[in-house]
Amino acid sequence: MVRYRVRIRFGKQGDLRWLGHRDLMRCCERWFRRAALPMAFSEGFHPKPRMTFPLALALGIAAENEVLELELAEPVEAAEIQRRLQACAPSGLVPGSVEAPVTGKAKAISVEYSGSLPGSLVEVLPQRIAEFLDSDSSVVSRGPERSPIDVRPLVESLRLEGDRLVMRLAVGANASAGPREVMAALGLPDAERDGAVWSRTDVILEPRQSPLEAAVLPTNRTRSSDP
């Protein structure tokens, strides 16, 4: 079986932000079937499309530039894939760029979020943001079934732009955070109940190496924290 990996960027808007990750995968599978893409499938009694997301998106959060990778059973040019996806995209799924073919699986190293906030939250945030950025640690609880997380090392940037809170968060090897954990660290765990609406605006991937770089650079090198 010849497999041909493609990388698809897309948005998840409107009511589709209330789709969980598994439901989103099923929605994308139907989308690809409508587009007549020759998907490659896993083996076994219950074959599934060979489709992966470098980072799942939490329920209730919209997205502007998500990433998924799909394996095809035969080559299709990127422009043709994009044309087919645009022709039959369901409401709420917004097709973006397509890369084909790609080598190696995508790995997310950081993500960006933007949140629309009501005025009552905007008023109190500047001081809280300053205190948070000056701190070395900010541990928040994530419920009885999950371990607490130190949010501060994961926040690469955090700023107010008018009535929007914009943040860039690192994706750690053992932990990752989202805007809900950041708001809890700012002392505003009920921000969404008070009217905050979040969107993940970008997923930043680890840069791909050329064959020469892979051969020259040591495999145990550390990655810079700079984007």
Protein backbone atom coordinates (compact mmCIF):
# COMPACT_ATOMS: atom_id res chain seq x y z
CA MET A 1 0.00 0.00 0.00
CA VAL A 2 1.43 3.37 -1.08
CA ARG A 3 0.63 6.10 1.42
CA TYR A 4 0.76 9.78 0.63
CA ARG A 5 0.61 12.15 3.61
CA VAL A 6 -1.05 15.56 3.27
CA ARG A 7 -1.35 18.39 5.80
CA ILE A 8 -4.60 20.33 5.87
CA ARG A 9 -5.28 23.62 7.66
CA PHE A 10 -8.88 24.49 8.49
CA GLY A 11 -11.13 26.58 10.71
CA LYS A 12 -13.89 25.40 13.05
CA GLN A 13 -16.49 28.13 13.48
CA GLY A 14 -20.04 28.78 14.67
CA ASP A 15 -21.94 25.95 16.29
CA LEU A 16 -19.20 23.48 15.36
CA ARG A 17 -17.14 24.79 18.27
CA TRP A 18 -19.39 22.61 20.41
CA LEU A 19 -18.15 19.46 18.67
CA GLY A 20 -15.82 17.32 20.78
CA HIS A 21 -12.63 15.92 19.29
CA ARG A 22 -14.07 12.53 18.35
CA ASP A 23 -17.11 14.12 16.73
CA LEU A 24 -14.83 16.47 14.82
CA MET A 25 -12.87 13.49 13.49
CA ARG A 26 -16.09 11.86 12.26
CA CYS A 27 -17.19 15.14 10.68
CA CYS A 28 -13.86 15.43 8.85
CA GLU A 29 -14.10 11.84 7.65
CA ARG A 30 -17.48 12.55 6.08
CA TRP A 31 -16.07 15.74 4.57
CA PHE A 32 -13.22 13.82 2.95
CA ARG A 33 -15.59 11.16 1.64
CA ARG A 34 -17.74 13.85 0.00
CA ALA A 35 -14.59 15.30 -1.53
CA ALA A 36 -13.78 11.85 -2.98
CA LEU A 37 -10.30 11.82 -1.45
CA PRO A 38 -8.72 8.35 -1.69
CA MET A 39 -8.14 7.91 2.04
CA ALA A 40 -5.82 5.22 3.38
CA PHE A 41 -7.30 3.08 6.16
CA SER A 42 -5.94 1.21 9.13
CA GLU A 43 -6.05 -2.58 9.13
CA GLY A 44 -8.12 -4.87 11.34
CA PHE A 45 -11.83 -5.48 11.96
CA HIS A 46 -12.73 -1.78 12.21
CA PRO A 47 -10.68 0.13 9.63
CA LYS A 48 -10.36 3.85 10.31
CA PRO A 49 -9.00 6.63 8.10
CA ARG A 50 -5.33 7.25 8.79
CA MET A 51 -5.89 10.76 10.11
CA THR A 52 -4.08 12.52 12.95
CA PHE A 53 -4.27 15.84 14.77
CA PRO A 54 -1.09 17.15 16.43
CA LEU A 55 -3.19 18.70 19.21
CA ALA A 56 -6.84 18.21 20.15
CA LEU A 57 -9.07 21.26 20.62
CA ALA A 58 -11.14 21.64 23.77
CA LEU A 59 -14.93 21.64 23.58
CA GLY A 60 -16.48 25.08 23.19
CA ILE A 61 -13.42 26.74 21.63
CA ALA A 62 -13.50 27.84 17.99
CA ALA A 63 -10.47 27.60 15.69
CA GLU A 64 -9.05 29.56 12.80
CA ASN A 65 -6.00 27.59 11.68
CA GLU A 66 -6.16 24.02 12.93
CA VAL A 67 -3.98 21.24 11.55
CA LEU A 68 -4.69 17.67 10.59
CA GLU A 69 -2.75 15.15 8.59
CA LEU A 70 -4.37 12.62 6.32
CA GLU A 71 -2.82 9.67 4.51
CA LEU A 72 -4.05 8.96 1.01
CA ALA A 73 -3.81 5.69 -0.87
CA GLU A 74 -2.71 7.51 -4.02
CA PRO A 75 -1.20 10.92 -4.82
CA VAL A 76 -3.45 13.95 -5.30
CA GLU A 77 -2.03 17.42 -5.90
CA ALA A 78 -2.44 19.98 -3.12
CA ALA A 79 -4.39 22.40 -5.33
CA GLU A 80 -6.83 19.65 -6.30
CA ILE A 81 -7.34 18.60 -2.67
CA GLN A 82 -8.04 22.22 -1.74
CA ARG A 83 -10.52 22.60 -4.62
CA ARG A 84 -12.43 19.47 -3.63
CA LEU A 85 -12.58 20.45 0.05
CA GLN A 86 -13.84 23.94 -0.72
CA ALA A 87 -16.54 22.55 -3.00
CA CYS A 88 -18.19 20.46 -0.29
CA ALA A 89 -17.20 21.99 3.06
CA PRO A 90 -19.97 21.68 5.67
CA SER A 91 -21.16 24.82 7.42
CA GLY A 92 -18.65 25.77 10.12
CA LEU A 93 -15.63 24.01 8.61
CA VAL A 94 -13.50 26.48 6.70
CA PRO A 95 -10.83 24.94 4.43
CA GLY A 96 -7.44 26.62 4.45
CA SER A 97 -4.06 25.71 3.00
CA VAL A 98 -3.00 22.21 1.91
CA GLU A 99 0.54 20.82 1.81
CA ALA A 100 1.15 17.67 -0.18
CA PRO A 101 3.12 15.58 0.19
CA VAL A 102 4.69 16.01 3.64
CA THR A 103 7.17 13.78 5.44
CA GLY A 104 7.11 13.01 9.14
CA LYS A 105 4.26 13.66 11.53
CA ALA A 106 3.42 17.21 12.59
CA LYS A 107 4.39 18.15 16.14
CA ALA A 108 2.86 21.20 17.81
CA ILE A 109 5.29 23.31 19.84
CA SER A 110 3.00 26.23 20.73
CA VAL A 111 -0.53 27.52 20.19
CA GLU A 112 -2.13 30.95 20.05
CA TYR A 113 -5.52 31.91 21.46
CA SER A 114 -7.62 35.03 21.31
CA GLY A 115 -10.56 35.71 23.60
CA SER A 116 -13.32 38.30 23.33
CA LEU A 117 -13.96 39.63 26.85
CA PRO A 118 -16.76 41.66 28.44
CA GLY A 119 -15.86 45.06 29.86
CA SER A 120 -16.05 43.86 33.46
CA LEU A 121 -13.13 41.49 32.85
CA VAL A 122 -11.11 43.93 30.75
CA GLU A 123 -11.07 46.42 33.62
CA VAL A 124 -9.38 44.08 36.10
CA LEU A 125 -6.99 42.29 33.76
CA PRO A 126 -4.05 44.70 33.29
CA GLN A 127 -2.94 44.49 36.93
CA ARG A 128 -3.52 40.75 37.10
CA ILE A 129 -1.58 40.13 33.88
CA ALA A 130 1.35 42.18 35.19
CA GLU A 131 1.40 40.24 38.47
CA PHE A 132 1.15 36.92 36.66
CA LEU A 133 4.02 37.71 34.25
CA ASP A 134 6.19 38.82 37.17
CA SER A 135 5.63 35.53 38.99
CA ASP A 136 7.76 32.39 38.69
CA SER A 137 4.95 29.92 39.27
CA SER A 138 1.15 29.79 39.16
CA VAL A 139 -0.38 26.39 39.96
CA VAL A 140 -4.06 25.86 39.19
CA SER A 141 -6.39 22.95 39.85
CA ARG A 142 -7.97 21.10 36.93
CA GLY A 143 -10.59 19.13 38.80
CA PRO A 144 -10.56 15.96 40.90
CA GLU A 145 -9.52 13.62 38.05
CA ARG A 146 -6.56 15.64 36.76
CA SER A 147 -3.35 16.77 38.40
CA PRO A 148 -2.77 20.48 39.12
CA ILE A 149 -0.66 22.30 36.56
CA ASP A 150 1.88 25.12 36.82
CA VAL A 151 0.67 27.45 34.08
CA ARG A 152 3.38 30.12 34.26
CA PRO A 153 6.21 28.22 32.44
CA LEU A 154 3.84 27.48 29.56
CA VAL A 155 2.84 31.10 28.87
CA GLU A 156 5.14 32.56 26.21
CA SER A 157 3.19 35.80 25.82
CA LEU A 158 0.04 37.34 27.28
CA ARG A 159 -1.42 40.74 26.43
CA LEU A 160 -4.61 42.77 26.09
CA GLU A 161 -5.53 44.20 22.69
CA GLY A 162 -8.61 46.33 23.31
CA ASP A 163 -11.28 43.94 24.57
CA ARG A 164 -9.35 40.84 23.47
CA LEU A 165 -6.91 38.78 25.48
CA VAL A 166 -4.21 37.27 23.25
CA MET A 167 -1.90 34.52 24.46
CA ARG A 168 0.73 32.17 23.11
CA LEU A 169 1.20 28.94 25.06
CA ALA A 170 3.97 26.39 24.79
CA VAL A 171 3.04 22.74 24.27
CA GLY A 172 5.15 20.84 26.77
CA ALA A 173 6.25 17.23 26.51
CA ASN A 174 4.28 16.30 29.64
CA ALA A 175 1.77 19.14 30.02
CA SER A 176 -0.13 21.75 28.08
CA ALA A 177 -2.59 24.45 29.06
CA GLY A 178 -5.42 26.35 27.45
CA PRO A 179 -7.09 29.71 28.02
CA ARG A 180 -9.26 28.29 30.80
CA GLU A 181 -6.21 27.39 32.88
CA VAL A 182 -4.66 30.80 32.19
CA MET A 183 -7.83 32.59 33.29
CA ALA A 184 -7.90 30.49 36.45
CA ALA A 185 -4.30 31.56 37.12
CA LEU A 186 -5.46 35.17 36.71
CA GLY A 187 -8.16 34.59 39.32
CA LEU A 188 -11.00 34.50 36.78
CA PRO A 189 -12.03 30.83 36.49
CA ASP A 190 -15.61 31.73 35.49
CA ALA A 191 -14.64 33.96 32.57
CA GLU A 192 -16.73 32.03 30.02
CA ARG A 193 -19.79 32.12 32.23
CA ASP A 194 -19.26 35.90 32.39
CA GLY A 195 -19.16 36.17 28.60
CA ALA A 196 -15.63 35.34 27.38
CA VAL A 197 -15.50 33.56 24.00
CA TRP A 198 -12.30 31.82 22.91
CA SER A 199 -10.76 30.94 19.58
CA ARG A 200 -7.53 29.09 18.86
CA THR A 201 -6.01 31.25 16.16
CA ASP A 202 -2.95 29.19 15.27
CA VAL A 203 -1.10 25.94 15.88
CA ILE A 204 2.66 26.41 15.46
CA LEU A 205 4.48 23.30 14.33
CA GLU A 206 8.04 22.21 14.89
CA PRO A 207 10.07 23.24 11.82
CA ARG A 208 10.85 20.40 9.47
CA GLN A 209 14.52 19.54 8.92
CA SER A 210 16.15 19.06 5.58
CA PRO A 211 17.92 15.69 5.10
CA LEU A 212 21.26 17.50 5.47
CA GLU A 213 20.29 19.07 8.81
CA ALA A 214 19.05 15.73 10.09
CA ALA A 215 22.38 14.15 9.22
CA VAL A 216 24.57 16.90 10.72
CA LEU A 217 22.77 17.96 13.88
CA PRO A 218 23.00 15.70 16.99
CA THR A 219 19.82 13.86 17.86
CA ASN A 220 20.00 14.85 21.55
CA ARG A 221 20.02 18.61 20.92
CA THR A 222 17.65 20.78 22.95
CA ARG A 223 15.04 22.91 21.20
CA SER A 224 15.07 26.65 21.74
CA SER A 225 12.05 28.15 23.47
CA ASP A 226 11.94 30.88 20.81
CA PRO A 227 9.21 30.40 18.15
